[in-house]
Full PDB file with SEQRES, HELIX, SHEET, SSBOND, CRYST1, ORIGX, SCALE, CONECT and MASTER records, all heavy atoms in Angstrom:
SEQRES   1 A   32  LEU ILE VAL ASP PHE ASN THR PRO ILE GLU GLU VAL SER          
SEQRES   2 A   32  ASN GLN ALA MET SER ARG GLY PHE ASP ASP VAL TYR ASP          
SEQRES   3 A   32  CYS ILE ILE VAL THR LYS                                      
HELIX    1 AA1 ILE A    9  MET A   17  1                                   9    
HELIX    2 AA2 PHE A   21  ASP A   23  5                                   3    
SHEET    1 AA1 2 ILE A   2  ASP A   4  0                                        
SHEET    2 AA1 2 ILE A  29  THR A  31  1                                        
CRYST1    1.000    1.000    1.000  90.00  90.00  90.00 P 1           1          
ORIGX1      1.000000  0.000000  0.000000        0.00000                         
ORIGX2      0.000000  1.000000  0.000000        0.00000                         
ORIGX3      0.000000  0.000000  1.000000        0.00000                         
SCALE1      1.000000  0.000000  0.000000        0.00000                         
SCALE2      0.000000  1.000000  0.000000        0.00000                         
SCALE3      0.000000  0.000000  1.000000        0.00000                         
ATOM      1  N   LEU A   1      51.153  80.404  28.466  1.00  0.00           N  
ATOM      2  CA  LEU A   1      52.192  80.457  27.420  1.00  0.00           C  
ATOM      3  C   LEU A   1      53.510  80.091  28.081  1.00  0.00           C  
ATOM      4  O   LEU A   1      54.006  80.809  28.954  1.00  0.00           O  
ATOM      5  CB  LEU A   1      52.272  81.853  26.789  1.00  0.00           C  
ATOM      6  CG  LEU A   1      53.353  82.103  25.699  1.00  0.00           C  
ATOM      7  CD1 LEU A   1      53.176  81.067  24.603  1.00  0.00           C  
ATOM      8  CD2 LEU A   1      53.281  83.467  25.195  1.00  0.00           C  
ATOM      9  N   ILE A   2      54.026  78.976  27.624  1.00  0.00           N  
ATOM     10  CA  ILE A   2      55.342  78.486  28.129  1.00  0.00           C  
ATOM     11  C   ILE A   2      56.299  78.372  26.983  1.00  0.00           C  
ATOM     12  O   ILE A   2      56.073  77.786  25.935  1.00  0.00           O  
ATOM     13  CB  ILE A   2      55.215  77.032  28.739  1.00  0.00           C  
ATOM     14  CG1 ILE A   2      54.189  77.104  29.932  1.00  0.00           C  
ATOM     15  CG2 ILE A   2      56.544  76.577  29.238  1.00  0.00           C  
ATOM     16  CD1 ILE A   2      53.873  75.717  30.561  1.00  0.00           C  
ATOM     17  N   VAL A   3      57.451  79.002  27.102  1.00  0.00           N  
ATOM     18  CA  VAL A   3      58.475  79.073  25.997  1.00  0.00           C  
ATOM     19  C   VAL A   3      59.823  78.626  26.488  1.00  0.00           C  
ATOM     20  O   VAL A   3      60.174  78.764  27.709  1.00  0.00           O  
ATOM     21  CB  VAL A   3      58.585  80.489  25.420  1.00  0.00           C  
ATOM     22  CG1 VAL A   3      57.225  80.898  24.792  1.00  0.00           C  
ATOM     23  CG2 VAL A   3      58.968  81.470  26.457  1.00  0.00           C  
ATOM     24  N   ASP A   4      60.625  78.190  25.629  1.00  0.00           N  
ATOM     25  CA  ASP A   4      61.961  77.775  25.982  1.00  0.00           C  
ATOM     26  C   ASP A   4      62.872  78.922  26.227  1.00  0.00           C  
ATOM     27  O   ASP A   4      62.769  79.989  25.553  1.00  0.00           O  
ATOM     28  CB  ASP A   4      62.563  76.849  24.859  1.00  0.00           C  
ATOM     29  CG  ASP A   4      63.901  76.312  25.208  1.00  0.00           C  
ATOM     30  OD1 ASP A   4      63.987  75.418  26.048  1.00  0.00           O  
ATOM     31  OD2 ASP A   4      64.923  76.845  24.698  1.00  0.00           O  
ATOM     32  N   PHE A   5      63.861  78.723  27.075  1.00  0.00           N  
ATOM     33  CA  PHE A   5      64.828  79.775  27.439  1.00  0.00           C  
ATOM     34  C   PHE A   5      65.436  80.470  26.208  1.00  0.00           C  
ATOM     35  O   PHE A   5      65.659  81.696  26.149  1.00  0.00           O  
ATOM     36  CB  PHE A   5      65.925  79.138  28.305  1.00  0.00           C  
ATOM     37  CG  PHE A   5      66.870  80.127  28.917  1.00  0.00           C  
ATOM     38  CD1 PHE A   5      66.710  80.551  30.239  1.00  0.00           C  
ATOM     39  CD2 PHE A   5      68.005  80.520  28.271  1.00  0.00           C  
ATOM     40  CE1 PHE A   5      67.634  81.460  30.805  1.00  0.00           C  
ATOM     41  CE2 PHE A   5      68.912  81.381  28.827  1.00  0.00           C  
ATOM     42  CZ  PHE A   5      68.766  81.872  30.114  1.00  0.00           C  
ATOM     43  N   ASN A   6      65.763  79.661  25.192  1.00  0.00           N  
ATOM     44  CA  ASN A   6      66.469  80.210  24.018  1.00  0.00           C  
ATOM     45  C   ASN A   6      65.656  80.789  22.903  1.00  0.00           C  
ATOM     46  O   ASN A   6      66.128  80.971  21.816  1.00  0.00           O  
ATOM     47  CB  ASN A   6      67.434  79.107  23.466  1.00  0.00           C  
ATOM     48  CG  ASN A   6      68.513  78.737  24.431  1.00  0.00           C  
ATOM     49  OD1 ASN A   6      69.214  79.576  24.925  1.00  0.00           O  
ATOM     50  ND2 ASN A   6      68.586  77.418  24.766  1.00  0.00           N  
ATOM     51  N   THR A   7      64.340  80.974  23.154  1.00  0.00           N  
ATOM     52  CA  THR A   7      63.466  81.489  22.095  1.00  0.00           C  
ATOM     53  C   THR A   7      63.702  82.985  21.865  1.00  0.00           C  
ATOM     54  O   THR A   7      63.750  83.753  22.855  1.00  0.00           O  
ATOM     55  CB  THR A   7      62.015  81.296  22.418  1.00  0.00           C  
ATOM     56  OG1 THR A   7      61.737  79.936  22.903  1.00  0.00           O  
ATOM     57  CG2 THR A   7      61.078  81.652  21.317  1.00  0.00           C  
ATOM     58  N   PRO A   8      63.887  83.433  20.583  1.00  0.00           N  
ATOM     59  CA  PRO A   8      64.072  84.885  20.335  1.00  0.00           C  
ATOM     60  C   PRO A   8      62.928  85.667  20.889  1.00  0.00           C  
ATOM     61  O   PRO A   8      61.758  85.227  20.765  1.00  0.00           O  
ATOM     62  CB  PRO A   8      64.181  84.936  18.814  1.00  0.00           C  
ATOM     63  CG  PRO A   8      64.597  83.572  18.437  1.00  0.00           C  
ATOM     64  CD  PRO A   8      63.983  82.586  19.361  1.00  0.00           C  
ATOM     65  N   ILE A   9      63.182  86.843  21.412  1.00  0.00           N  
ATOM     66  CA  ILE A   9      62.041  87.625  22.050  1.00  0.00           C  
ATOM     67  C   ILE A   9      61.027  88.120  21.045  1.00  0.00           C  
ATOM     68  O   ILE A   9      59.834  88.285  21.317  1.00  0.00           O  
ATOM     69  CB  ILE A   9      62.542  88.810  22.856  1.00  0.00           C  
ATOM     70  CG1 ILE A   9      63.227  89.906  22.034  1.00  0.00           C  
ATOM     71  CG2 ILE A   9      63.478  88.358  23.986  1.00  0.00           C  
ATOM     72  CD1 ILE A   9      63.459  91.191  22.789  1.00  0.00           C  
ATOM     73  N   GLU A  10      61.502  88.243  19.711  1.00  0.00           N  
ATOM     74  CA  GLU A  10      60.439  88.677  18.726  1.00  0.00           C  
ATOM     75  C   GLU A  10      59.476  87.594  18.428  1.00  0.00           C  
ATOM     76  O   GLU A  10      58.235  87.842  18.258  1.00  0.00           O  
ATOM     77  CB  GLU A  10      61.136  89.107  17.404  1.00  0.00           C  
ATOM     78  CG  GLU A  10      62.002  88.166  16.735  1.00  0.00           C  
ATOM     79  CD  GLU A  10      63.488  88.293  17.075  1.00  0.00           C  
ATOM     80  OE1 GLU A  10      63.739  88.565  18.259  1.00  0.00           O  
ATOM     81  OE2 GLU A  10      64.305  88.063  16.176  1.00  0.00           O  
ATOM     82  N   GLU A  11      59.933  86.327  18.548  1.00  0.00           N  
ATOM     83  CA  GLU A  11      58.974  85.206  18.388  1.00  0.00           C  
ATOM     84  C   GLU A  11      58.038  85.102  19.584  1.00  0.00           C  
ATOM     85  O   GLU A  11      56.870  84.824  19.425  1.00  0.00           O  
ATOM     86  CB  GLU A  11      59.851  83.915  18.228  1.00  0.00           C  
ATOM     87  CG  GLU A  11      59.015  82.649  17.960  1.00  0.00           C  
ATOM     88  CD  GLU A  11      59.877  81.498  17.810  1.00  0.00           C  
ATOM     89  OE1 GLU A  11      60.956  81.507  17.236  1.00  0.00           O  
ATOM     90  OE2 GLU A  11      59.438  80.348  18.320  1.00  0.00           O  
ATOM     91  N   VAL A  12      58.632  85.297  20.798  1.00  0.00           N  
ATOM     92  CA  VAL A  12      57.747  85.275  21.985  1.00  0.00           C  
ATOM     93  C   VAL A  12      56.706  86.426  21.987  1.00  0.00           C  
ATOM     94  O   VAL A  12      55.540  86.236  22.256  1.00  0.00           O  
ATOM     95  CB  VAL A  12      58.614  85.420  23.279  1.00  0.00           C  
ATOM     96  CG1 VAL A  12      57.736  85.398  24.502  1.00  0.00           C  
ATOM     97  CG2 VAL A  12      59.611  84.221  23.350  1.00  0.00           C  
ATOM     98  N   SER A  13      57.181  87.568  21.456  1.00  0.00           N  
ATOM     99  CA  SER A  13      56.281  88.670  21.327  1.00  0.00           C  
ATOM    100  C   SER A  13      55.079  88.392  20.441  1.00  0.00           C  
ATOM    101  O   SER A  13      53.945  88.673  20.770  1.00  0.00           O  
ATOM    102  CB  SER A  13      57.019  89.912  20.860  1.00  0.00           C  
ATOM    103  OG  SER A  13      56.135  91.069  20.796  1.00  0.00           O  
ATOM    104  N   ASN A  14      55.364  87.782  19.327  1.00  0.00           N  
ATOM    105  CA  ASN A  14      54.331  87.371  18.387  1.00  0.00           C  
ATOM    106  C   ASN A  14      53.307  86.348  19.004  1.00  0.00           C  
ATOM    107  O   ASN A  14      52.090  86.465  18.828  1.00  0.00           O  
ATOM    108  CB  ASN A  14      54.902  86.751  17.108  1.00  0.00           C  
ATOM    109  CG  ASN A  14      55.637  87.819  16.236  1.00  0.00           C  
ATOM    110  OD1 ASN A  14      55.302  88.947  16.324  1.00  0.00           O  
ATOM    111  ND2 ASN A  14      56.591  87.385  15.468  1.00  0.00           N  
ATOM    112  N   GLN A  15      53.883  85.393  19.725  1.00  0.00           N  
ATOM    113  CA  GLN A  15      53.057  84.392  20.353  1.00  0.00           C  
ATOM    114  C   GLN A  15      52.158  85.072  21.407  1.00  0.00           C  
ATOM    115  O   GLN A  15      50.924  84.731  21.598  1.00  0.00           O  
ATOM    116  CB  GLN A  15      53.889  83.260  21.063  1.00  0.00           C  
ATOM    117  CG  GLN A  15      54.632  82.394  20.031  1.00  0.00           C  
ATOM    118  CD  GLN A  15      55.371  81.304  20.773  1.00  0.00           C  
ATOM    119  OE1 GLN A  15      54.887  80.646  21.745  1.00  0.00           O  
ATOM    120  NE2 GLN A  15      56.623  81.010  20.331  1.00  0.00           N  
ATOM    121  N   ALA A  16      52.725  85.923  22.231  1.00  0.00           N  
ATOM    122  CA  ALA A  16      52.006  86.571  23.302  1.00  0.00           C  
ATOM    123  C   ALA A  16      50.868  87.401  22.803  1.00  0.00           C  
ATOM    124  O   ALA A  16      49.768  87.408  23.313  1.00  0.00           O  
ATOM    125  CB  ALA A  16      52.959  87.371  24.133  1.00  0.00           C  
ATOM    126  N   MET A  17      51.178  88.179  21.763  1.00  0.00           N  
ATOM    127  CA  MET A  17      50.189  89.114  21.197  1.00  0.00           C  
ATOM    128  C   MET A  17      49.104  88.358  20.421  1.00  0.00           C  
ATOM    129  O   MET A  17      47.989  89.000  20.099  1.00  0.00           O  
ATOM    130  CB  MET A  17      50.828  90.114  20.362  1.00  0.00           C  
ATOM    131  CG  MET A  17      51.727  91.110  21.088  1.00  0.00           C  
ATOM    132  SD  MET A  17      50.852  92.088  22.406  1.00  0.00           S  
ATOM    133  CE  MET A  17      51.300  91.192  23.865  1.00  0.00           C  
ATOM    134  N   SER A  18      49.335  87.126  20.041  1.00  0.00           N  
ATOM    135  CA  SER A  18      48.302  86.377  19.246  1.00  0.00           C  
ATOM    136  C   SER A  18      47.356  85.656  20.202  1.00  0.00           C  
ATOM    137  O   SER A  18      46.445  84.969  19.700  1.00  0.00           O  
ATOM    138  CB  SER A  18      48.973  85.442  18.309  1.00  0.00           C  
ATOM    139  OG  SER A  18      49.723  84.470  19.010  1.00  0.00           O  
ATOM    140  N   ARG A  19      47.510  85.726  21.550  1.00  0.00           N  
ATOM    141  CA  ARG A  19      46.633  85.109  22.407  1.00  0.00           C  
ATOM    142  C   ARG A  19      45.275  85.803  22.464  1.00  0.00           C  
ATOM    143  O   ARG A  19      45.094  86.893  21.963  1.00  0.00           O  
ATOM    144  CB  ARG A  19      47.211  85.073  23.888  1.00  0.00           C  
ATOM    145  CG  ARG A  19      48.406  84.194  24.026  1.00  0.00           C  
ATOM    146  CD  ARG A  19      49.033  84.194  25.401  1.00  0.00           C  
ATOM    147  NE  ARG A  19      49.540  85.519  25.799  1.00  0.00           N  
ATOM    148  CZ  ARG A  19      50.147  85.700  26.946  1.00  0.00           C  
ATOM    149  NH1 ARG A  19      50.294  84.722  27.851  1.00  0.00           N  
ATOM    150  NH2 ARG A  19      50.658  86.913  27.271  1.00  0.00           N  
ATOM    151  N   GLY A  20      44.268  85.172  23.088  1.00  0.00           N  
ATOM    152  CA  GLY A  20      42.993  85.765  23.159  1.00  0.00           C  
ATOM    153  C   GLY A  20      42.997  87.043  24.095  1.00  0.00           C  
ATOM    154  O   GLY A  20      43.922  87.251  24.824  1.00  0.00           O  
ATOM    155  N   PHE A  21      41.978  87.835  23.923  1.00  0.00           N  
ATOM    156  CA  PHE A  21      41.932  89.101  24.652  1.00  0.00           C  
ATOM    157  C   PHE A  21      42.072  88.949  26.124  1.00  0.00           C  
ATOM    158  O   PHE A  21      42.760  89.695  26.806  1.00  0.00           O  
ATOM    159  CB  PHE A  21      40.590  89.827  24.347  1.00  0.00           C  
ATOM    160  CG  PHE A  21      40.405  91.191  25.072  1.00  0.00           C  
ATOM    161  CD1 PHE A  21      41.091  92.287  24.583  1.00  0.00           C  
ATOM    162  CD2 PHE A  21      39.755  91.284  26.219  1.00  0.00           C  
ATOM    163  CE1 PHE A  21      41.002  93.540  25.235  1.00  0.00           C  
ATOM    164  CE2 PHE A  21      39.564  92.465  26.876  1.00  0.00           C  
ATOM    165  CZ  PHE A  21      40.202  93.604  26.398  1.00  0.00           C  
ATOM    166  N   ASP A  22      41.405  87.901  26.743  1.00  0.00           N  
ATOM    167  CA  ASP A  22      41.486  87.672  28.171  1.00  0.00           C  
ATOM    168  C   ASP A  22      42.872  87.310  28.644  1.00  0.00           C  
ATOM    169  O   ASP A  22      43.185  87.493  29.791  1.00  0.00           O  
ATOM    170  CB  ASP A  22      40.495  86.592  28.583  1.00  0.00           C  
ATOM    171  CG  ASP A  22      39.040  87.051  28.382  1.00  0.00           C  
ATOM    172  OD1 ASP A  22      38.828  88.327  28.394  1.00  0.00           O  
ATOM    173  OD2 ASP A  22      38.192  86.238  28.293  1.00  0.00           O  
ATOM    174  N   ASP A  23      43.707  86.726  27.781  1.00  0.00           N  
ATOM    175  CA  ASP A  23      45.045  86.178  28.261  1.00  0.00           C  
ATOM    176  C   ASP A  23      46.165  87.017  27.752  1.00  0.00           C  
ATOM    177  O   ASP A  23      47.319  86.725  28.120  1.00  0.00           O  
ATOM    178  CB  ASP A  23      45.267  84.777  27.576  1.00  0.00           C  
ATOM    179  CG  ASP A  23      44.071  83.841  27.986  1.00  0.00           C  
ATOM    180  OD1 ASP A  23      43.600  83.912  29.117  1.00  0.00           O  
ATOM    181  OD2 ASP A  23      43.732  83.018  27.126  1.00  0.00           O  
ATOM    182  N   VAL A  24      45.936  88.116  26.965  1.00  0.00           N  
ATOM    183  CA  VAL A  24      47.043  88.796  26.279  1.00  0.00           C  
ATOM    184  C   VAL A  24      48.036  89.401  27.232  1.00  0.00           C  
ATOM    185  O   VAL A  24      49.238  89.605  26.944  1.00  0.00           O  
ATOM    186  CB  VAL A  24      46.467  89.803  25.302  1.00  0.00           C  
ATOM    187  CG1 VAL A  24      45.921  91.070  26.048  1.00  0.00           C  
ATOM    188  CG2 VAL A  24      47.548  90.255  24.286  1.00  0.00           C  
ATOM    189  N   TYR A  25      47.601  89.764  28.476  1.00  0.00           N  
ATOM    190  CA  TYR A  25      48.532  90.398  29.413  1.00  0.00           C  
ATOM    191  C   TYR A  25      49.042  89.463  30.490  1.00  0.00           C  
ATOM    192  O   TYR A  25      49.661  89.875  31.412  1.00  0.00           O  
ATOM    193  CB  TYR A  25      47.836  91.615  30.104  1.00  0.00           C  
ATOM    194  CG  TYR A  25      47.477  92.689  29.124  1.00  0.00           C  
ATOM    195  CD1 TYR A  25      46.216  93.013  28.737  1.00  0.00           C  
ATOM    196  CD2 TYR A  25      48.559  93.428  28.532  1.00  0.00           C  
ATOM    197  CE1 TYR A  25      45.913  93.997  27.821  1.00  0.00           C  
ATOM    198  CE2 TYR A  25      48.293  94.466  27.645  1.00  0.00           C  
ATOM    199  CZ  TYR A  25      46.986  94.748  27.246  1.00  0.00           C  
ATOM    200  OH  TYR A  25      46.705  95.718  26.358  1.00  0.00           O  
ATOM    201  N   ASP A  26      48.755  88.170  30.291  1.00  0.00           N  
ATOM    202  CA  ASP A  26      49.274  87.122  31.270  1.00  0.00           C  
ATOM    203  C   ASP A  26      50.783  87.045  31.092  1.00  0.00           C  
ATOM    204  O   ASP A  26      51.352  87.184  30.003  1.00  0.00           O  
ATOM    205  CB  ASP A  26      48.626  85.805  31.068  1.00  0.00           C  
ATOM    206  CG  ASP A  26      47.222  85.783  31.521  1.00  0.00           C  
ATOM    207  OD1 ASP A  26      46.679  86.819  32.039  1.00  0.00           O  
ATOM    208  OD2 ASP A  26      46.587  84.739  31.409  1.00  0.00           O  
ATOM    209  N   CYS A  27      51.426  86.718  32.255  1.00  0.00           N  
ATOM    210  CA  CYS A  27      52.924  86.555  32.189  1.00  0.00           C  
ATOM    211  C   CYS A  27      53.314  85.330  31.315  1.00  0.00           C  
ATOM    212  O   CYS A  27      52.458  84.430  31.139  1.00  0.00           O  
ATOM    213  CB  CYS A  27      53.431  86.349  33.645  1.00  0.00           C  
ATOM    214  SG  CYS A  27      53.390  87.922  34.592  1.00  0.00           S  
ATOM    215  N   ILE A  28      54.504  85.263  30.939  1.00  0.00           N  
ATOM    216  CA  ILE A  28      55.040  84.198  30.089  1.00  0.00           C  
ATOM    217  C   ILE A  28      55.996  83.374  30.966  1.00  0.00           C  
ATOM    218  O   ILE A  28      56.932  83.918  31.666  1.00  0.00           O  
ATOM    219  CB  ILE A  28      55.801  84.787  28.932  1.00  0.00           C  
ATOM    220  CG1 ILE A  28      54.863  85.611  28.067  1.00  0.00           C  
ATOM    221  CG2 ILE A  28      56.481  83.642  28.076  1.00  0.00           C  
ATOM    222  CD1 ILE A  28      55.607  86.728  27.349  1.00  0.00           C  
ATOM    223  N   ILE A  29      55.780  82.085  30.965  1.00  0.00           N  
ATOM    224  CA  ILE A  29      56.664  81.179  31.766  1.00  0.00           C  
ATOM    225  C   ILE A  29      57.859  80.668  30.880  1.00  0.00           C  
ATOM    226  O   ILE A  29      57.652  80.271  29.716  1.00  0.00           O  
ATOM    227  CB  ILE A  29      55.888  79.943  32.257  1.00  0.00           C  
ATOM    228  CG1 ILE A  29      54.725  80.396  33.127  1.00  0.00           C  
ATOM    229  CG2 ILE A  29      56.785  78.983  33.007  1.00  0.00           C  
ATOM    230  CD1 ILE A  29      53.736  79.349  33.507  1.00  0.00           C  
ATOM    231  N   VAL A  30      59.038  80.764  31.433  1.00  0.00           N  
ATOM    232  CA  VAL A  30      60.265  80.348  30.694  1.00  0.00           C  
ATOM    233  C   VAL A  30      60.835  79.061  31.301  1.00  0.00           C  
ATOM    234  O   VAL A  30      60.931  78.983  32.487  1.00  0.00           O  
ATOM    235  CB  VAL A  30      61.296  81.464  30.768  1.00  0.00           C  
ATOM    236  CG1 VAL A  30      62.577  81.090  30.000  1.00  0.00           C  
ATOM    237  CG2 VAL A  30      60.752  82.763  30.178  1.00  0.00           C  
ATOM    238  N   THR A  31      61.096  78.117  30.423  1.00  0.00           N  
ATOM    239  CA  THR A  31      61.755  76.883  30.884  1.00  0.00           C  
ATOM    240  C   THR A  31      63.053  76.645  30.271  1.00  0.00           C  
ATOM    241  O   THR A  31      63.396  77.182  29.192  1.00  0.00           O  
ATOM    242  CB  THR A  31      60.756  75.734  30.561  1.00  0.00           C  
ATOM    243  OG1 THR A  31      60.626  75.595  29.142  1.00  0.00           O  
ATOM    244  CG2 THR A  31      59.384  75.899  31.203  1.00  0.00           C  
ATOM    245  N   LYS A  32      63.805  75.756  30.930  1.00  0.00           N  
ATOM    246  CA  LYS A  32      65.116  75.341  30.366  1.00  0.00           C  
ATOM    247  C   LYS A  32      65.214  73.850  30.566  1.00  0.00           C  
ATOM    248  O   LYS A  32      65.031  73.348  31.727  1.00  0.00           O  
ATOM    249  CB  LYS A  32      66.249  76.057  31.048  1.00  0.00           C  
ATOM    250  CG  LYS A  32      67.629  75.708  30.467  1.00  0.00           C  
ATOM    251  CD  LYS A  32      68.771  76.288  31.278  1.00  0.00           C  
ATOM    252  CE  LYS A  32      68.775  77.806  31.080  1.00  0.00           C  
ATOM    253  NZ  LYS A  32      69.969  78.463  31.729  1.00  0.00           N  
TER     254      LYS A  32                                                      
MASTER        0    0    0    2    2    0    0    6  253    1    0    3          
END                                                                             
């Protein structure tokens, strides 16, 4: 999961929690 620096955290939270069971606890990469 790679997200832009300026993405609201509620949107990132939704994306992270919608991942598959095996990936749900993986870290999120932030780019600018």
